[in-house]
Amino acid sequence: MSSVAVIGDIDTVSGFRLGGVKQAEVVNTSEEAIAAFDKFFEDEISIIIITQELANQIRDYINRKVGSDVLPMIIEIPDKDGSSEGSSDQINDLIKRVIGVEMVK
């Protein structure tokens, strides 16, 4: 059974909680984001949704922790103030991690 967790600002987390996601952490700093990420990683969560702003702040840490593993799947979403720039790059990176082939435009 797969499980989903969310790391983000209060508005993002509240929205996902209203949608039924039970495992969620409101964070305001990169240190809090790392602590939440570690908690969900250790709990063997299958999908970790994190806002792009926080993911950018802890990008190196996420890359070191996850490495080339398929799970957990990290999904970055824009927060209420952010844009979705780079979302196609995320999908390409995910495909490369899962099947080992880089998609070319």
Protein backbone atom coordinates (compact mmCIF):
# COMPACT_ATOMS: atom_id res chain seq x y z
CA MET A 1 0.00 0.00 0.00
CA SER A 2 1.44 3.34 -0.95
CA SER A 3 1.28 6.32 1.30
CA VAL A 4 1.48 10.05 0.64
CA ALA A 5 2.98 12.81 2.76
CA VAL A 6 3.16 16.57 2.23
CA ILE A 7 5.80 19.10 3.27
CA GLY A 8 4.96 22.74 2.75
CA ASP A 9 3.53 26.01 3.94
CA ILE A 10 0.33 26.18 5.99
CA ASP A 11 -1.93 26.78 2.98
CA THR A 12 -0.53 23.90 0.95
CA VAL A 13 -0.63 21.48 3.87
CA SER A 14 -4.16 22.56 4.83
CA GLY A 15 -5.37 21.96 1.29
CA PHE A 16 -3.93 18.46 1.18
CA ARG A 17 -5.30 17.66 4.64
CA LEU A 18 -8.75 18.70 3.45
CA GLY A 19 -8.21 16.32 0.54
CA GLY A 20 -7.56 13.43 2.91
CA VAL A 21 -3.77 13.37 3.28
CA LYS A 22 -3.07 12.59 6.92
CA GLN A 23 0.71 12.75 6.96
CA ALA A 24 1.71 16.37 6.49
CA GLU A 25 4.15 18.81 8.03
CA VAL A 26 3.96 22.59 8.01
CA VAL A 27 7.51 23.96 7.75
CA ASN A 28 8.96 27.44 7.51
CA THR A 29 12.72 26.85 7.35
CA SER A 30 15.09 24.55 5.52
CA GLU A 31 16.01 22.89 8.83
CA GLU A 32 12.34 22.07 9.48
CA ALA A 33 12.02 20.79 5.89
CA ILE A 34 15.00 18.45 6.35
CA ALA A 35 13.56 17.15 9.64
CA ALA A 36 10.17 16.50 8.01
CA PHE A 37 11.81 14.87 4.99
CA ASP A 38 13.85 12.58 7.26
CA LYS A 39 10.75 11.61 9.22
CA PHE A 40 8.81 10.66 6.11
CA PHE A 41 11.86 8.92 4.58
CA GLU A 42 12.29 6.78 7.70
CA ASP A 43 8.55 6.02 7.76
CA GLU A 44 8.98 4.60 4.23
CA ILE A 45 6.45 6.95 2.66
CA SER A 46 6.03 6.14 -1.05
CA ILE A 47 5.25 9.67 -2.29
CA ILE A 48 6.54 12.86 -0.71
CA ILE A 49 4.97 16.04 -2.03
CA ILE A 50 7.00 19.16 -1.29
CA THR A 51 6.65 22.76 -2.42
CA GLN A 52 9.20 23.89 -5.00
CA GLU A 53 10.47 26.67 -2.78
CA LEU A 54 11.35 24.24 0.02
CA ALA A 55 12.72 21.64 -2.37
CA ASN A 56 15.03 24.27 -3.87
CA GLN A 57 16.30 25.12 -0.39
CA ILE A 58 17.18 21.49 0.41
CA ARG A 59 17.83 20.19 -3.12
CA ASP A 60 21.32 18.83 -2.40
CA TYR A 61 20.07 17.06 0.72
CA ILE A 62 17.17 15.43 -1.15
CA ASN A 63 19.48 14.28 -3.95
CA ARG A 64 21.96 12.74 -1.49
CA LYS A 65 19.24 11.05 0.55
CA VAL A 66 17.21 9.61 -2.33
CA GLY A 67 20.05 9.02 -4.77
CA SER A 68 18.94 6.90 -7.70
CA ASP A 69 16.21 5.06 -5.77
CA VAL A 70 12.75 4.99 -7.29
CA LEU A 71 11.02 5.36 -3.93
CA PRO A 72 10.15 7.59 -2.36
CA MET A 73 8.87 9.49 -5.34
CA ILE A 74 9.44 13.20 -4.75
CA ILE A 75 6.84 15.46 -6.32
CA GLU A 76 7.45 19.19 -6.29
CA ILE A 77 4.48 21.50 -6.53
CA PRO A 78 4.29 25.29 -6.61
CA ASP A 79 3.21 26.96 -3.41
CA LYS A 80 0.62 29.73 -3.40
CA ASP A 81 3.21 32.29 -4.56
CA GLY A 82 5.33 30.09 -6.82
CA SER A 83 5.21 29.10 -10.44
CA SER A 84 5.42 25.69 -12.00
CA GLU A 85 8.60 26.39 -13.96
CA GLY A 86 10.70 23.30 -14.39
CA SER A 87 7.86 20.82 -13.99
CA SER A 88 8.70 19.10 -17.28
CA ASP A 89 12.30 18.73 -16.08
CA GLN A 90 10.99 16.96 -12.98
CA ILE A 91 9.04 14.52 -15.11
CA ASN A 92 12.08 13.85 -17.28
CA ASP A 93 14.22 13.25 -14.17
CA LEU A 94 11.59 10.89 -12.77
CA ILE A 95 11.42 8.91 -16.02
CA LYS A 96 15.20 8.68 -16.08
CA ARG A 97 15.25 7.39 -12.48
CA VAL A 98 12.49 4.85 -13.06
CA ILE A 99 13.42 3.37 -16.44
CA GLY A 100 16.99 4.57 -16.84
CA VAL A 101 16.38 6.37 -20.13
CA GLU A 102 16.57 10.11 -20.64
CA MET A 103 13.69 11.58 -22.60
CA VAL A 104 14.82 14.02 -25.31
CA LYS A 105 12.62 16.73 -26.76
